[in-house]
PDB file of N, CA and C in Angstrom:
ATOM      1  N   LEU A   1      28.036 -25.325  60.022  1.00  0.00           N
ATOM      2  CA  LEU A   1      28.161 -26.701  59.569  1.00  0.00           C
ATOM      3  C   LEU A   1      26.896 -27.508  59.829  1.00  0.00           C
ATOM      4  N   PHE A   2      26.297 -27.338  61.006  1.00  0.00           N
ATOM      5  CA  PHE A   2      25.083 -28.092  61.317  1.00  0.00           C
ATOM      6  C   PHE A   2      23.955 -27.774  60.343  1.00  0.00           C
ATOM      7  N   ARG A   3      23.761 -26.510  60.062  1.00  0.00           N
ATOM      8  CA  ARG A   3      22.625 -26.080  59.236  1.00  0.00           C
ATOM      9  C   ARG A   3      22.679 -26.640  57.815  1.00  0.00           C
ATOM     10  N   SER A   4      23.853 -26.951  57.306  1.00  0.00           N
ATOM     11  CA  SER A   4      23.939 -27.470  55.939  1.00  0.00           C
ATOM     12  C   SER A   4      23.480 -28.926  55.838  1.00  0.00           C
ATOM     13  N   ASP A   5      23.626 -29.704  56.911  1.00  0.00           N
ATOM     14  CA  ASP A   5      23.297 -31.128  56.865  1.00  0.00           C
ATOM     15  C   ASP A   5      22.134 -31.559  57.761  1.00  0.00           C
ATOM     16  N   LEU A   6      21.739 -30.708  58.694  1.00  0.00           N
ATOM     17  CA  LEU A   6      20.704 -31.076  59.655  1.00  0.00           C
ATOM     18  C   LEU A   6      19.527 -30.117  59.571  1.00  0.00           C
ATOM     19  N   MET A   7      18.357 -30.596  59.981  1.00  0.00           N
ATOM     20  CA  MET A   7      17.176 -29.738  60.048  1.00  0.00           C
ATOM     21  C   MET A   7      17.240 -28.983  61.366  1.00  0.00           C
ATOM     22  N   GLU A   8      17.098 -27.663  61.283  1.00  0.00           N
ATOM     23  CA  GLU A   8      17.098 -26.848  62.487  1.00  0.00           C
ATOM     24  C   GLU A   8      15.672 -26.462  62.848  1.00  0.00           C
ATOM     25  N   ALA A   9      15.299 -26.727  64.083  1.00  0.00           N
ATOM     26  CA  ALA A   9      14.009 -26.261  64.584  1.00  0.00           C
ATOM     27  C   ALA A   9      14.197 -24.782  64.927  1.00  0.00           C
ATOM     28  N   THR A  10      13.551 -23.934  64.170  1.00  0.00           N
ATOM     29  CA  THR A  10      13.732 -22.502  64.367  1.00  0.00           C
ATOM     30  C   THR A  10      12.788 -21.970  65.440  1.00  0.00           C
ATOM     31  N   LYS A  11      13.230 -20.924  66.088  1.00  0.00           N
ATOM     32  CA  LYS A  11      12.415 -20.256  67.103  1.00  0.00           C
ATOM     33  C   LYS A  11      11.564 -19.186  66.435  1.00  0.00           C
ATOM     34  N   PRO A  12      10.470 -18.784  67.085  1.00  0.00           N
ATOM     35  CA  PRO A  12       9.705 -17.655  66.558  1.00  0.00           C
ATOM     36  C   PRO A  12      10.611 -16.424  66.472  1.00  0.00           C
ATOM     37  N   ALA A  13      10.461 -15.623  65.438  1.00  0.00           N
ATOM     38  CA  ALA A  13      11.332 -14.470  65.204  1.00  0.00           C
ATOM     39  C   ALA A  13      11.351 -13.500  66.383  1.00  0.00           C
ATOM     40  N   ASP A  14      10.246 -13.378  67.081  1.00  0.00           N
ATOM     41  CA  ASP A  14      10.180 -12.428  68.189  1.00  0.00           C
ATOM     42  C   ASP A  14      10.629 -13.028  69.522  1.00  0.00           C
ATOM     43  N   ALA A  15      11.134 -14.276  69.508  1.00  0.00           N
ATOM     44  CA  ALA A  15      11.557 -14.916  70.763  1.00  0.00           C
ATOM     45  C   ALA A  15      12.785 -15.796  70.566  1.00  0.00           C
ATOM     46  N   ARG A  16      13.692 -15.398  69.696  1.00  0.00           N
ATOM     47  CA  ARG A  16      14.830 -16.279  69.425  1.00  0.00           C
ATOM     48  C   ARG A  16      15.941 -16.190  70.460  1.00  0.00           C
ATOM     49  N   PHE A  17      15.954 -15.146  71.279  1.00  0.00           N
ATOM     50  CA  PHE A  17      16.979 -15.016  72.312  1.00  0.00           C
ATOM     51  C   PHE A  17      16.554 -15.766  73.574  1.00  0.00           C
ATOM     52  N   THR A  18      17.511 -16.469  74.196  1.00  0.00           N
ATOM     53  CA  THR A  18      17.184 -17.312  75.345  1.00  0.00           C
ATOM     54  C   THR A  18      18.070 -17.095  76.557  1.00  0.00           C
ATOM     55  N   PHE A  19      19.070 -16.232  76.441  1.00  0.00           N
ATOM     56  CA  PHE A  19      20.007 -16.028  77.557  1.00  0.00           C
ATOM     57  C   PHE A  19      20.355 -14.562  77.687  1.00  0.00           C
ATOM     58  N   PRO A  20      20.452 -14.073  78.919  1.00  0.00           N
ATOM     59  CA  PRO A  20      20.050 -14.661  80.192  1.00  0.00           C
ATOM     60  C   PRO A  20      18.536 -14.669  80.340  1.00  0.00           C
ATOM     61  N   SER A  21      18.047 -15.466  81.239  1.00  0.00           N
ATOM     62  CA  SER A  21      16.597 -15.631  81.353  1.00  0.00           C
ATOM     63  C   SER A  21      15.886 -14.355  81.784  1.00  0.00           C
ATOM     64  N   SER A  22      16.542 -13.511  82.542  1.00  0.00           N
ATOM     65  CA  SER A  22      15.906 -12.290  83.027  1.00  0.00           C
ATOM     66  C   SER A  22      15.645 -11.281  81.902  1.00  0.00           C
ATOM     67  N   LYS A  23      16.588 -11.110  81.013  1.00  0.00           N
ATOM     68  CA  LYS A  23      16.441 -10.203  79.857  1.00  0.00           C
ATOM     69  C   LYS A  23      17.219 -10.795  78.692  1.00  0.00           C
ATOM     70  N   PRO A  24      16.640 -11.760  78.002  1.00  0.00           N
ATOM     71  CA  PRO A  24      17.382 -12.462  76.949  1.00  0.00           C
ATOM     72  C   PRO A  24      17.827 -11.522  75.824  1.00  0.00           C
ATOM     73  N   ASN A  25      19.120 -11.649  75.460  1.00  0.00           N
ATOM     74  CA  ASN A  25      19.652 -10.889  74.339  1.00  0.00           C
ATOM     75  C   ASN A  25      20.685 -11.683  73.533  1.00  0.00           C
ATOM     76  N   ILE A  26      20.801 -12.995  73.865  1.00  0.00           N
ATOM     77  CA  ILE A  26      21.719 -13.888  73.167  1.00  0.00           C
ATOM     78  C   ILE A  26      20.973 -15.175  72.826  1.00  0.00           C
ATOM     79  N   GLU A  27      21.203 -15.680  71.631  1.00  0.00           N
ATOM     80  CA  GLU A  27      20.596 -16.958  71.223  1.00  0.00           C
ATOM     81  C   GLU A  27      21.594 -18.080  71.482  1.00  0.00           C
ATOM     82  N   ILE A  28      21.300 -18.937  72.490  1.00  0.00           N
ATOM     83  CA  ILE A  28      22.235 -20.022  72.818  1.00  0.00           C
ATOM     84  C   ILE A  28      21.630 -21.419  72.705  1.00  0.00           C
ATOM     85  N   ASP A  29      20.326 -21.536  72.583  1.00  0.00           N
ATOM     86  CA  ASP A  29      19.688 -22.857  72.588  1.00  0.00           C
ATOM     87  C   ASP A  29      19.228 -23.231  71.179  1.00  0.00           C
ATOM     88  N   PHE A  30      19.598 -24.435  70.744  1.00  0.00           N
ATOM     89  CA  PHE A  30      19.284 -24.886  69.396  1.00  0.00           C
ATOM     90  C   PHE A  30      18.841 -26.347  69.427  1.00  0.00           C
ATOM     91  N   ILE A  31      18.010 -26.720  68.468  1.00  0.00           N
ATOM     92  CA  ILE A  31      17.601 -28.116  68.292  1.00  0.00           C
ATOM     93  C   ILE A  31      17.828 -28.470  66.825  1.00  0.00           C
ATOM     94  N   PHE A  32      18.557 -29.557  66.588  1.00  0.00           N
ATOM     95  CA  PHE A  32      18.819 -30.043  65.236  1.00  0.00           C
ATOM     96  C   PHE A  32      18.378 -31.496  65.143  1.00  0.00           C
ATOM     97  N   ALA A  33      17.955 -31.921  63.947  1.00  0.00           N
ATOM     98  CA  ALA A  33      17.538 -33.306  63.726  1.00  0.00           C
ATOM     99  C   ALA A  33      18.119 -33.805  62.407  1.00  0.00           C
ATOM    100  N   ALA A  34      18.390 -35.111  62.356  1.00  0.00           N
ATOM    101  CA  ALA A  34      18.940 -35.726  61.153  1.00  0.00           C
ATOM    102  C   ALA A  34      18.209 -37.023  60.879  1.00  0.00           C
ATOM    103  N   PRO A  35      18.108 -37.372  59.613  1.00  0.00           N
ATOM    104  CA  PRO A  35      18.527 -36.623  58.435  1.00  0.00           C
ATOM    105  C   PRO A  35      17.583 -35.443  58.165  1.00  0.00           C
ATOM    106  N   LYS A  36      18.126 -34.418  57.576  1.00  0.00           N
ATOM    107  CA  LYS A  36      17.424 -33.151  57.367  1.00  0.00           C
ATOM    108  C   LYS A  36      16.064 -33.324  56.695  1.00  0.00           C
ATOM    109  N   GLN A  37      16.000 -34.109  55.660  1.00  0.00           N
ATOM    110  CA  GLN A  37      14.772 -34.251  54.865  1.00  0.00           C
ATOM    111  C   GLN A  37      13.696 -35.100  55.548  1.00  0.00           C
ATOM    112  N   ALA A  38      14.040 -35.754  56.656  1.00  0.00           N
ATOM    113  CA  ALA A  38      13.088 -36.656  57.318  1.00  0.00           C
ATOM    114  C   ALA A  38      12.255 -35.975  58.398  1.00  0.00           C
ATOM    115  N   TRP A  39      12.489 -34.687  58.643  1.00  0.00           N
ATOM    116  CA  TRP A  39      11.829 -34.017  59.758  1.00  0.00           C
ATOM    117  C   TRP A  39      11.087 -32.776  59.313  1.00  0.00           C
ATOM    118  N   LYS A  40       9.976 -32.523  59.986  1.00  0.00           N
ATOM    119  CA  LYS A  40       9.169 -31.325  59.753  1.00  0.00           C
ATOM    120  C   LYS A  40       8.934 -30.658  61.104  1.00  0.00           C
ATOM    121  N   LEU A  41       9.100 -29.357  61.144  1.00  0.00           N
ATOM    122  CA  LEU A  41       8.830 -28.593  62.359  1.00  0.00           C
ATOM    123  C   LEU A  41       7.358 -28.224  62.382  1.00  0.00           C
ATOM    124  N   ASN A  42       6.631 -28.705  63.378  1.00  0.00           N
ATOM    125  CA  ASN A  42       5.214 -28.373  63.503  1.00  0.00           C
ATOM    126  C   ASN A  42       4.997 -27.085  64.288  1.00  0.00           C
ATOM    127  N   ARG A  43       5.730 -26.928  65.380  1.00  0.00           N
ATOM    128  CA  ARG A  43       5.626 -25.696  66.168  1.00  0.00           C
ATOM    129  C   ARG A  43       6.815 -25.603  67.107  1.00  0.00           C
ATOM    130  N   SER A  44       7.079 -24.388  67.545  1.00  0.00           N
ATOM    131  CA  SER A  44       8.146 -24.168  68.514  1.00  0.00           C
ATOM    132  C   SER A  44       7.833 -22.931  69.335  1.00  0.00           C
ATOM    133  N   HIS A  45       8.399 -22.901  70.524  1.00  0.00           N
ATOM    134  CA  HIS A  45       8.273 -21.701  71.340  1.00  0.00           C
ATOM    135  C   HIS A  45       9.358 -21.665  72.414  1.00  0.00           C
ATOM    136  N   VAL A  46       9.612 -20.469  72.871  1.00  0.00           N
ATOM    137  CA  VAL A  46      10.547 -20.248  73.970  1.00  0.00           C
ATOM    138  C   VAL A  46       9.703 -19.965  75.201  1.00  0.00           C
ATOM    139  N   VAL A  47       9.978 -20.685  76.273  1.00  0.00           N
ATOM    140  CA  VAL A  47       9.204 -20.550  77.500  1.00  0.00           C
ATOM    141  C   VAL A  47       9.585 -19.244  78.195  1.00  0.00           C
ATOM    142  N   ASP A  48       8.592 -18.416  78.446  1.00  0.00           N
ATOM    143  CA  ASP A  48       8.799 -17.125  79.111  1.00  0.00           C
ATOM    144  C   ASP A  48       8.857 -17.338  80.612  1.00  0.00           C
ATOM    145  N   ASP A  49      10.026 -17.773  81.095  1.00  0.00           N
ATOM    146  CA  ASP A  49      10.219 -18.074  82.518  1.00  0.00           C
ATOM    147  C   ASP A  49      11.593 -17.577  82.947  1.00  0.00           C
ATOM    148  N   PRO A  50      11.672 -16.436  83.589  1.00  0.00           N
ATOM    149  CA  PRO A  50      12.964 -15.893  83.996  1.00  0.00           C
ATOM    150  C   PRO A  50      13.512 -16.457  85.308  1.00  0.00           C
ATOM    151  N   VAL A  51      12.802 -17.406  85.950  1.00  0.00           N
ATOM    152  CA  VAL A  51      13.183 -17.862  87.286  1.00  0.00           C
ATOM    153  C   VAL A  51      13.787 -19.265  87.318  1.00  0.00           C
ATOM    154  N   THR A  52      13.261 -20.196  86.552  1.00  0.00           N
ATOM    155  CA  THR A  52      13.623 -21.603  86.668  1.00  0.00           C
ATOM    156  C   THR A  52      15.077 -21.914  86.318  1.00  0.00           C
ATOM    157  N   SER A  53      15.638 -21.204  85.361  1.00  0.00           N
ATOM    158  CA  SER A  53      16.976 -21.501  84.877  1.00  0.00           C
ATOM    159  C   SER A  53      17.687 -20.208  84.520  1.00  0.00           C
ATOM    160  N   ASP A  54      18.959 -20.319  84.153  1.00  0.00           N
ATOM    161  CA  ASP A  54      19.700 -19.138  83.711  1.00  0.00           C
ATOM    162  C   ASP A  54      19.415 -18.799  82.250  1.00  0.00           C
ATOM    163  N   HIS A  55      18.687 -19.693  81.560  1.00  0.00           N
ATOM    164  CA  HIS A  55      18.248 -19.422  80.191  1.00  0.00           C
ATOM    165  C   HIS A  55      16.795 -19.860  80.056  1.00  0.00           C
ATOM    166  N   ARG A  56      16.163 -19.410  78.998  1.00  0.00           N
ATOM    167  CA  ARG A  56      14.759 -19.781  78.771  1.00  0.00           C
ATOM    168  C   ARG A  56      14.699 -21.027  77.897  1.00  0.00           C
ATOM    169  N   PRO A  57      13.971 -22.049  78.336  1.00  0.00           N
ATOM    170  CA  PRO A  57      13.887 -23.298  77.566  1.00  0.00           C
ATOM    171  C   PRO A  57      13.254 -23.085  76.189  1.00  0.00           C
ATOM    172  N   PHE A  58      13.755 -23.835  75.241  1.00  0.00           N
ATOM    173  CA  PHE A  58      13.261 -23.826  73.865  1.00  0.00           C
ATOM    174  C   PHE A  58      12.611 -25.170  73.615  1.00  0.00           C
ATOM    175  N   ILE A  59      11.332 -25.165  73.228  1.00  0.00           N
ATOM    176  CA  ILE A  59      10.579 -26.398  72.996  1.00  0.00           C
ATOM    177  C   ILE A  59      10.149 -26.449  71.536  1.00  0.00           C
ATOM    178  N   ALA A  60      10.361 -27.598  70.906  1.00  0.00           N
ATOM    179  CA  ALA A  60       9.974 -27.766  69.512  1.00  0.00           C
ATOM    180  C   ALA A  60       9.255 -29.094  69.339  1.00  0.00           C
ATOM    181  N   GLU A  61       8.194 -29.088  68.532  1.00  0.00           N
ATOM    182  CA  GLU A  61       7.486 -30.309  68.171  1.00  0.00           C
ATOM    183  C   GLU A  61       7.895 -30.662  66.748  1.00  0.00           C
ATOM    184  N   LEU A  62       8.612 -31.771  66.616  1.00  0.00           N
ATOM    185  CA  LEU A  62       9.082 -32.245  65.315  1.00  0.00           C
ATOM    186  C   LEU A  62       8.285 -33.475  64.902  1.00  0.00           C
ATOM    187  N   GLU A  63       8.078 -33.608  63.608  1.00  0.00           N
ATOM    188  CA  GLU A  63       7.368 -34.765  63.063  1.00  0.00           C
ATOM    189  C   GLU A  63       8.302 -35.512  62.115  1.00  0.00           C
ATOM    190  N   TYR A  64       8.442 -36.807  62.376  1.00  0.00           N
ATOM    191  CA  TYR A  64       9.248 -37.656  61.486  1.00  0.00           C
ATOM    192  C   TYR A  64       8.398 -38.004  60.279  1.00  0.00           C
ATOM    193  N   THR A  65       8.865 -37.697  59.086  1.00  0.00           N
ATOM    194  CA  THR A  65       8.035 -37.816  57.890  1.00  0.00           C
ATOM    195  C   THR A  65       8.425 -38.967  56.960  1.00  0.00           C
ATOM    196  N   GLU A  66       9.433 -39.726  57.294  1.00  0.00           N
ATOM    197  CA  GLU A  66       9.840 -40.833  56.392  1.00  0.00           C
ATOM    198  C   GLU A  66       9.398 -42.173  56.911  1.00  0.00           C
TER     199      GLU A  66
END
């Protein structure tokens, strides 16, 4: 439902899994923005840190274009 109406900040294909932080094999972290057409994803990455949290943080730089 979210993907049809909101802009999703996508993760790099080789780093989309974020849980558990020690050996990620599940994608649990997402960023959405609305309205969909007003946002552009400039870059994103998953922080390679197995210690700080139980999942790896997902960071995205979004640009408001309207």
